[in-house]
């Protein structure tokens, strides 16, 4: 599935591959920054039209996104022998129109805990980047001439 150059444990992912991975996630992390202080929140989400949609309740996330709409979103997948990570830098906007809210409801974003979450936010990306990692043993450092070694 992921074609690494021989011997390279890290693969930079294309934008299309990043979106394909994100389309399969239901959870991620949202980073907000207000007054020089960063906060990170676990969120429930879905991807629609290469935008991330999240569902939330009133509180810190909504307040911080209202103050500073620039956010980061991160999601990853980890298996026993490999992992991937995708980061989206974008702009968050609360969905206000009935058409936008209906479209968000259709995504069926389910919260982790049984609490009322009546607000939807859409993150419109400005940048996306991703990496795939092959796990392996930590390599031994090669000691050159004149190096101290043991």
N, C-alpha and C. Protein backbone atom coordinates (compact mmCIF):
# COMPACT_ATOMS: atom_id res chain seq x y z
N UNK A 1 0.82 -1.20 0.00
CA UNK A 1 0.00 0.00 0.00
C UNK A 1 0.86 1.27 0.00
N UNK A 2 1.92 1.27 0.81
CA UNK A 2 2.81 2.42 0.87
C UNK A 2 4.17 2.01 0.31
N UNK A 3 4.60 2.65 -0.75
CA UNK A 3 5.84 2.30 -1.43
C UNK A 3 6.98 3.19 -0.95
N UNK A 4 7.78 2.68 -0.04
CA UNK A 4 8.95 3.40 0.46
C UNK A 4 10.14 3.12 -0.45
N UNK A 5 11.02 4.09 -0.57
CA UNK A 5 12.31 3.84 -1.20
C UNK A 5 13.03 2.85 -0.30
N UNK A 6 13.71 1.88 -0.90
CA UNK A 6 14.38 0.84 -0.13
C UNK A 6 15.25 1.44 0.99
N UNK A 7 15.02 0.96 2.18
CA UNK A 7 15.81 1.40 3.33
C UNK A 7 15.32 2.67 3.99
N UNK A 8 14.35 3.34 3.40
CA UNK A 8 13.85 4.60 3.98
C UNK A 8 12.63 4.32 4.85
N UNK A 9 12.70 4.64 6.14
CA UNK A 9 11.56 4.35 7.02
C UNK A 9 10.45 5.40 6.96
N UNK A 10 10.71 6.58 6.37
CA UNK A 10 9.71 7.65 6.33
C UNK A 10 9.37 7.96 4.87
N UNK A 11 8.08 8.03 4.60
CA UNK A 11 7.58 8.35 3.27
C UNK A 11 6.71 9.60 3.36
N UNK A 12 7.02 10.63 2.57
CA UNK A 12 6.19 11.83 2.51
C UNK A 12 4.99 11.49 1.63
N UNK A 13 3.79 11.76 2.14
CA UNK A 13 2.56 11.40 1.43
C UNK A 13 2.09 12.53 0.53
N UNK A 14 1.50 12.16 -0.59
CA UNK A 14 0.90 13.14 -1.50
C UNK A 14 -0.38 13.70 -0.87
N UNK A 15 -0.83 14.81 -1.38
CA UNK A 15 -2.07 15.42 -0.89
C UNK A 15 -3.24 14.45 -1.07
N UNK A 16 -3.31 13.78 -2.21
CA UNK A 16 -4.40 12.82 -2.44
C UNK A 16 -4.35 11.67 -1.44
N UNK A 17 -3.16 11.16 -1.16
CA UNK A 17 -3.04 10.07 -0.19
C UNK A 17 -3.44 10.54 1.21
N UNK A 18 -3.07 11.78 1.56
CA UNK A 18 -3.46 12.33 2.86
C UNK A 18 -4.98 12.36 2.99
N UNK A 19 -5.66 12.87 1.96
CA UNK A 19 -7.13 12.94 2.01
C UNK A 19 -7.75 11.55 2.04
N UNK A 20 -7.18 10.61 1.31
CA UNK A 20 -7.72 9.25 1.33
C UNK A 20 -7.65 8.66 2.74
N UNK A 21 -6.56 8.92 3.44
CA UNK A 21 -6.44 8.45 4.83
C UNK A 21 -7.43 9.15 5.74
N UNK A 22 -7.56 10.46 5.60
CA UNK A 22 -8.47 11.22 6.47
C UNK A 22 -9.93 10.82 6.25
N UNK A 23 -10.28 10.43 5.03
CA UNK A 23 -11.66 10.03 4.76
C UNK A 23 -12.08 8.81 5.58
N UNK A 24 -11.12 8.07 6.10
CA UNK A 24 -11.43 6.89 6.89
C UNK A 24 -11.41 7.11 8.40
N UNK A 25 -11.18 8.32 8.85
CA UNK A 25 -11.10 8.55 10.30
C UNK A 25 -12.41 9.12 10.86
N UNK A 26 -12.65 8.83 12.11
CA UNK A 26 -13.80 9.39 12.82
C UNK A 26 -13.35 10.21 14.03
N UNK A 27 -12.04 10.21 14.30
CA UNK A 27 -11.48 10.93 15.44
C UNK A 27 -10.18 11.60 15.04
N UNK A 28 -9.89 12.68 15.71
CA UNK A 28 -8.64 13.38 15.48
C UNK A 28 -8.39 14.34 16.63
N UNK A 29 -7.45 15.25 16.42
CA UNK A 29 -7.13 16.26 17.42
C UNK A 29 -7.18 17.64 16.78
N UNK A 30 -7.76 18.56 17.51
CA UNK A 30 -7.88 19.95 17.09
C UNK A 30 -6.95 20.78 17.95
N UNK A 31 -6.13 21.63 17.32
CA UNK A 31 -5.25 22.53 18.05
C UNK A 31 -5.72 23.96 17.80
N UNK A 32 -5.93 24.69 18.90
CA UNK A 32 -6.28 26.11 18.83
C UNK A 32 -5.19 26.89 19.55
N UNK A 33 -5.04 28.17 19.20
CA UNK A 33 -4.08 29.03 19.88
C UNK A 33 -4.75 30.37 20.13
N UNK A 34 -4.82 30.76 21.40
CA UNK A 34 -5.37 32.05 21.79
C UNK A 34 -4.44 32.68 22.81
N UNK A 35 -4.06 33.92 22.57
CA UNK A 35 -3.19 34.63 23.50
C UNK A 35 -1.85 33.94 23.69
N UNK A 36 -1.35 33.29 22.63
CA UNK A 36 -0.06 32.61 22.72
C UNK A 36 -0.11 31.27 23.42
N UNK A 37 -1.29 30.84 23.83
CA UNK A 37 -1.43 29.55 24.51
C UNK A 37 -2.11 28.55 23.58
N UNK A 38 -1.47 27.41 23.37
CA UNK A 38 -2.04 26.36 22.53
C UNK A 38 -2.85 25.39 23.38
N UNK A 39 -3.98 24.95 22.83
CA UNK A 39 -4.79 23.89 23.44
C UNK A 39 -5.00 22.81 22.41
N UNK A 40 -5.11 21.58 22.87
CA UNK A 40 -5.38 20.46 21.97
C UNK A 40 -6.56 19.68 22.51
N UNK A 41 -7.48 19.32 21.60
CA UNK A 41 -8.72 18.66 21.98
C UNK A 41 -8.94 17.42 21.13
N UNK A 42 -9.33 16.30 21.74
CA UNK A 42 -9.76 15.16 20.93
C UNK A 42 -11.14 15.51 20.36
N UNK A 43 -11.36 15.17 19.09
CA UNK A 43 -12.65 15.50 18.48
C UNK A 43 -13.18 14.32 17.66
N UNK A 44 -14.48 14.35 17.45
CA UNK A 44 -15.17 13.46 16.53
C UNK A 44 -15.32 14.23 15.24
N UNK A 45 -15.10 13.57 14.11
CA UNK A 45 -15.08 14.32 12.86
C UNK A 45 -15.42 13.43 11.68
N UNK A 46 -15.58 14.10 10.55
CA UNK A 46 -15.76 13.42 9.26
C UNK A 46 -15.15 14.33 8.20
N UNK A 47 -14.87 13.76 7.04
CA UNK A 47 -14.34 14.54 5.92
C UNK A 47 -15.42 14.59 4.84
N UNK A 48 -15.65 15.80 4.32
CA UNK A 48 -16.59 16.00 3.21
C UNK A 48 -16.02 17.06 2.30
N UNK A 49 -15.87 16.75 1.03
CA UNK A 49 -15.36 17.70 0.04
C UNK A 49 -14.01 18.29 0.44
N UNK A 50 -13.13 17.41 0.96
CA UNK A 50 -11.78 17.82 1.38
C UNK A 50 -11.80 18.93 2.43
N UNK A 51 -12.77 18.84 3.29
CA UNK A 51 -12.86 19.70 4.48
C UNK A 51 -13.19 18.80 5.66
N UNK A 52 -12.72 19.20 6.84
CA UNK A 52 -12.99 18.43 8.05
C UNK A 52 -14.19 19.07 8.74
N UNK A 53 -15.13 18.24 9.16
CA UNK A 53 -16.30 18.72 9.90
C UNK A 53 -16.25 18.07 11.26
N UNK A 54 -16.42 18.88 12.30
CA UNK A 54 -16.45 18.35 13.66
C UNK A 54 -17.73 18.77 14.35
N UNK A 55 -18.10 17.99 15.36
CA UNK A 55 -19.32 18.24 16.14
C UNK A 55 -18.89 18.50 17.57
N UNK A 56 -19.47 19.54 18.18
CA UNK A 56 -19.03 19.90 19.53
C UNK A 56 -20.17 20.55 20.32
N UNK A 57 -19.91 20.79 21.57
CA UNK A 57 -20.83 21.48 22.48
C UNK A 57 -20.24 22.85 22.81
N UNK A 58 -21.04 23.74 23.41
CA UNK A 58 -20.47 25.02 23.85
C UNK A 58 -19.32 24.77 24.83
N UNK A 59 -18.29 25.60 24.75
CA UNK A 59 -17.16 25.44 25.64
C UNK A 59 -15.90 26.01 25.04
N UNK A 60 -14.78 25.51 25.51
CA UNK A 60 -13.47 26.04 25.14
C UNK A 60 -13.21 26.01 23.64
N UNK A 61 -13.52 24.88 22.99
CA UNK A 61 -13.24 24.78 21.55
C UNK A 61 -13.94 25.88 20.77
N UNK A 62 -15.24 25.99 20.97
CA UNK A 62 -16.01 27.01 20.22
C UNK A 62 -15.52 28.41 20.54
N UNK A 63 -15.27 28.68 21.81
CA UNK A 63 -14.82 30.02 22.21
C UNK A 63 -13.47 30.35 21.59
N UNK A 64 -12.54 29.40 21.64
CA UNK A 64 -11.21 29.66 21.11
C UNK A 64 -11.21 29.81 19.60
N UNK A 65 -12.05 29.03 18.91
CA UNK A 65 -12.13 29.17 17.45
C UNK A 65 -12.81 30.48 17.04
N UNK A 66 -13.67 31.01 17.91
CA UNK A 66 -14.29 32.31 17.64
C UNK A 66 -13.27 33.44 17.77
N UNK A 67 -12.31 33.28 18.69
CA UNK A 67 -11.27 34.29 18.89
C UNK A 67 -10.20 34.20 17.80
N UNK A 68 -9.80 32.96 17.46
CA UNK A 68 -8.76 32.74 16.44
C UNK A 68 -9.19 31.57 15.58
N UNK A 69 -9.60 31.87 14.37
CA UNK A 69 -10.11 30.82 13.47
C UNK A 69 -9.03 29.96 12.85
N UNK A 70 -7.77 30.34 13.00
CA UNK A 70 -6.66 29.52 12.47
C UNK A 70 -6.43 28.33 13.40
N UNK A 71 -6.53 27.13 12.85
CA UNK A 71 -6.42 25.91 13.66
C UNK A 71 -5.55 24.89 12.95
N UNK A 72 -5.17 23.86 13.70
CA UNK A 72 -4.53 22.67 13.16
C UNK A 72 -5.41 21.48 13.49
N UNK A 73 -5.42 20.52 12.59
CA UNK A 73 -6.11 19.26 12.81
C UNK A 73 -5.10 18.16 12.53
N UNK A 74 -5.09 17.13 13.38
CA UNK A 74 -4.16 16.02 13.19
C UNK A 74 -4.89 14.72 13.43
N UNK A 75 -4.61 13.75 12.58
CA UNK A 75 -5.14 12.40 12.76
C UNK A 75 -4.03 11.43 12.38
N UNK A 76 -4.10 10.22 12.97
CA UNK A 76 -3.10 9.23 12.63
C UNK A 76 -3.67 7.83 12.76
N UNK A 77 -2.92 6.90 12.23
CA UNK A 77 -3.26 5.49 12.36
C UNK A 77 -1.99 4.74 12.72
N UNK A 78 -2.10 3.82 13.68
CA UNK A 78 -0.93 3.11 14.17
C UNK A 78 -1.23 1.61 14.20
N UNK A 79 -0.36 0.84 13.54
CA UNK A 79 -0.44 -0.61 13.56
C UNK A 79 0.83 -1.14 14.22
N UNK A 80 1.00 -2.44 14.27
CA UNK A 80 2.17 -3.00 14.95
C UNK A 80 3.47 -2.73 14.21
N UNK A 81 3.42 -2.58 12.88
CA UNK A 81 4.65 -2.43 12.12
C UNK A 81 4.72 -1.14 11.29
N UNK A 82 3.72 -0.30 11.38
CA UNK A 82 3.70 0.93 10.59
C UNK A 82 2.71 1.93 11.19
N UNK A 83 2.84 3.18 10.75
CA UNK A 83 1.94 4.23 11.20
C UNK A 83 1.89 5.34 10.15
N UNK A 84 0.87 6.18 10.25
CA UNK A 84 0.80 7.37 9.41
C UNK A 84 0.28 8.52 10.25
N UNK A 85 0.59 9.72 9.81
CA UNK A 85 0.13 10.93 10.48
C UNK A 85 -0.14 11.99 9.42
N UNK A 86 -1.28 12.67 9.54
CA UNK A 86 -1.64 13.74 8.62
C UNK A 86 -2.00 14.97 9.44
N UNK A 87 -1.47 16.13 9.01
CA UNK A 87 -1.73 17.41 9.68
C UNK A 87 -2.34 18.37 8.66
N UNK A 88 -3.43 19.02 9.07
CA UNK A 88 -4.10 20.02 8.24
C UNK A 88 -4.02 21.35 8.97
N UNK A 89 -3.53 22.36 8.29
CA UNK A 89 -3.54 23.73 8.79
C UNK A 89 -4.68 24.42 8.05
N UNK A 90 -5.62 25.03 8.82
CA UNK A 90 -6.76 25.62 8.14
C UNK A 90 -7.49 26.66 8.96
N UNK A 91 -8.67 26.99 8.46
CA UNK A 91 -9.53 28.00 9.06
C UNK A 91 -10.83 27.35 9.49
N UNK A 92 -11.22 27.58 10.74
CA UNK A 92 -12.44 27.00 11.29
C UNK A 92 -13.58 28.00 11.23
N UNK A 93 -14.76 27.51 10.88
CA UNK A 93 -15.96 28.35 10.86
C UNK A 93 -17.15 27.52 11.34
N UNK A 94 -17.90 28.08 12.25
CA UNK A 94 -19.11 27.42 12.73
C UNK A 94 -20.14 27.39 11.62
N UNK A 95 -20.82 26.27 11.46
CA UNK A 95 -21.85 26.15 10.42
C UNK A 95 -23.14 26.75 10.94
N UNK A 96 -23.64 27.76 10.24
CA UNK A 96 -24.80 28.53 10.71
C UNK A 96 -26.06 28.29 9.89
N UNK A 97 -25.92 28.07 8.57
CA UNK A 97 -27.12 27.96 7.74
C UNK A 97 -27.75 26.58 7.92
N UNK A 98 -29.05 26.52 7.69
CA UNK A 98 -29.74 25.24 7.83
C UNK A 98 -29.23 24.23 6.81
N UNK A 99 -28.89 24.68 5.61
CA UNK A 99 -28.36 23.77 4.59
C UNK A 99 -27.02 23.18 5.03
N UNK A 100 -26.13 24.01 5.58
CA UNK A 100 -24.84 23.52 6.06
C UNK A 100 -25.01 22.56 7.23
N UNK A 101 -25.92 22.89 8.14
CA UNK A 101 -26.16 22.03 9.30
C UNK A 101 -26.76 20.68 8.88
N UNK A 102 -27.67 20.70 7.92
CA UNK A 102 -28.27 19.46 7.42
C UNK A 102 -27.21 18.58 6.76
N UNK A 103 -26.32 19.21 5.98
CA UNK A 103 -25.24 18.45 5.34
C UNK A 103 -24.32 17.85 6.41
N UNK A 104 -24.05 18.60 7.46
CA UNK A 104 -23.21 18.09 8.54
C UNK A 104 -23.91 16.96 9.30
N UNK A 105 -25.20 17.09 9.55
CA UNK A 105 -25.97 16.04 10.22
C UNK A 105 -25.91 14.74 9.43
N UNK A 106 -25.94 14.86 8.09
CA UNK A 106 -25.92 13.68 7.22
C UNK A 106 -24.61 12.90 7.34
N UNK A 107 -23.55 13.53 7.84
CA UNK A 107 -22.27 12.86 8.03
C UNK A 107 -22.29 11.89 9.21
N UNK A 108 -23.31 12.01 10.05
CA UNK A 108 -23.50 11.13 11.20
C UNK A 108 -22.27 11.05 12.10
N UNK A 109 -21.76 12.20 12.48
CA UNK A 109 -20.62 12.27 13.39
C UNK A 109 -21.11 11.92 14.78
N UNK A 110 -20.57 10.87 15.35
CA UNK A 110 -21.01 10.37 16.66
C UNK A 110 -20.03 10.77 17.75
N UNK A 111 -20.53 11.37 18.84
CA UNK A 111 -19.64 11.72 19.96
C UNK A 111 -19.17 10.48 20.72
N UNK A 112 -18.02 10.61 21.39
CA UNK A 112 -17.50 9.52 22.22
C UNK A 112 -18.38 9.29 23.44
N UNK A 113 -18.84 10.38 24.03
CA UNK A 113 -19.65 10.29 25.24
C UNK A 113 -21.08 10.76 24.93
N UNK A 114 -22.05 10.24 25.67
CA UNK A 114 -23.45 10.59 25.38
C UNK A 114 -23.83 11.96 25.94
N UNK A 115 -23.31 13.00 25.28
CA UNK A 115 -23.65 14.37 25.65
C UNK A 115 -24.17 15.09 24.41
N UNK A 116 -24.96 16.12 24.63
CA UNK A 116 -25.53 16.88 23.52
C UNK A 116 -24.45 17.74 22.89
N UNK A 117 -24.27 17.59 21.61
CA UNK A 117 -23.29 18.37 20.85
C UNK A 117 -24.03 18.92 19.64
N UNK A 118 -24.53 20.13 19.76
CA UNK A 118 -25.40 20.72 18.75
C UNK A 118 -24.70 21.62 17.75
N UNK A 119 -23.39 21.78 17.87
CA UNK A 119 -22.67 22.71 17.00
C UNK A 119 -21.75 21.96 16.05
N UNK A 120 -21.73 22.42 14.81
CA UNK A 120 -20.84 21.87 13.80
C UNK A 120 -19.87 22.95 13.36
N UNK A 121 -18.62 22.54 13.13
CA UNK A 121 -17.57 23.44 12.66
C UNK A 121 -16.93 22.80 11.45
N UNK A 122 -16.64 23.60 10.45
CA UNK A 122 -15.95 23.13 9.24
C UNK A 122 -14.56 23.74 9.22
N UNK A 123 -13.56 22.91 9.00
CA UNK A 123 -12.18 23.37 8.83
C UNK A 123 -11.88 23.35 7.34
N UNK A 124 -11.61 24.52 6.80
CA UNK A 124 -11.21 24.64 5.40
C UNK A 124 -9.69 24.68 5.36
N UNK A 125 -9.08 23.73 4.67
CA UNK A 125 -7.62 23.62 4.71
C UNK A 125 -6.91 24.67 3.87
N UNK A 126 -5.75 25.11 4.38
CA UNK A 126 -4.81 25.91 3.61
C UNK A 126 -3.59 25.06 3.24
N UNK A 127 -3.24 24.13 4.13
CA UNK A 127 -2.10 23.23 3.90
C UNK A 127 -2.43 21.86 4.45
N UNK A 128 -1.89 20.85 3.81
CA UNK A 128 -2.02 19.48 4.32
C UNK A 128 -0.69 18.78 4.10
N UNK A 129 -0.28 18.00 5.08
CA UNK A 129 0.95 17.23 4.93
C UNK A 129 0.80 15.92 5.68
N UNK A 130 1.53 14.92 5.23
CA UNK A 130 1.44 13.63 5.89
C UNK A 130 2.69 12.81 5.70
N UNK A 131 2.86 11.86 6.59
CA UNK A 131 4.00 10.95 6.57
C UNK A 131 3.51 9.55 6.87
N UNK A 132 4.18 8.57 6.27
CA UNK A 132 3.97 7.17 6.61
C UNK A 132 5.29 6.67 7.17
N UNK A 133 5.21 5.86 8.22
CA UNK A 133 6.40 5.38 8.92
C UNK A 133 6.41 3.85 8.94
N UNK A 134 7.54 3.27 8.55
CA UNK A 134 7.77 1.83 8.72
C UNK A 134 8.56 1.66 9.99
N UNK A 135 8.09 0.81 10.87
CA UNK A 135 8.79 0.58 12.12
C UNK A 135 9.94 -0.40 11.90
N UNK A 136 10.91 -0.33 12.76
CA UNK A 136 12.05 -1.24 12.72
C UNK A 136 12.94 -1.01 13.91
N UNK A 137 13.98 -1.76 13.95
CA UNK A 137 14.95 -1.64 15.04
C UNK A 137 15.71 -0.32 14.92
N UNK A 138 16.10 0.22 16.04
CA UNK A 138 16.89 1.44 16.07
C UNK A 138 18.26 1.11 15.46
N UNK A 139 18.69 1.87 14.45
CA UNK A 139 19.97 1.54 13.82
C UNK A 139 21.15 1.89 14.73
N UNK A 140 22.21 1.14 14.56
CA UNK A 140 23.44 1.45 15.29
C UNK A 140 24.14 2.59 14.58
N UNK A 141 24.68 3.51 15.36
CA UNK A 141 25.41 4.62 14.79
C UNK A 141 26.75 4.12 14.27
N UNK A 142 27.09 4.54 13.05
CA UNK A 142 28.39 4.15 12.48
C UNK A 142 29.46 5.07 13.04
N UNK A 143 30.52 4.46 13.56
CA UNK A 143 31.62 5.24 14.11
C UNK A 143 32.69 5.43 13.07
N UNK A 144 33.04 6.65 12.81
CA UNK A 144 34.09 6.95 11.83
C UNK A 144 35.46 6.92 12.47
N UNK A 145 36.49 7.12 11.63
CA UNK A 145 37.86 7.14 12.14
C UNK A 145 38.02 8.28 13.13
N UNK A 146 38.72 8.02 14.18
CA UNK A 146 38.98 9.04 15.18
C UNK A 146 37.82 9.23 16.14
N UNK A 147 36.77 8.46 15.97
CA UNK A 147 35.62 8.58 16.87
C UNK A 147 35.88 7.77 18.12
N UNK A 148 35.33 8.27 19.19
CA UNK A 148 35.41 7.49 20.41
C UNK A 148 34.27 6.49 20.38
N UNK A 149 34.55 5.29 20.64
CA UNK A 149 33.51 4.27 20.62
C UNK A 149 33.78 3.25 21.70
N UNK A 150 32.78 2.47 21.91
CA UNK A 150 32.97 1.52 22.97
C UNK A 150 32.69 0.19 22.58
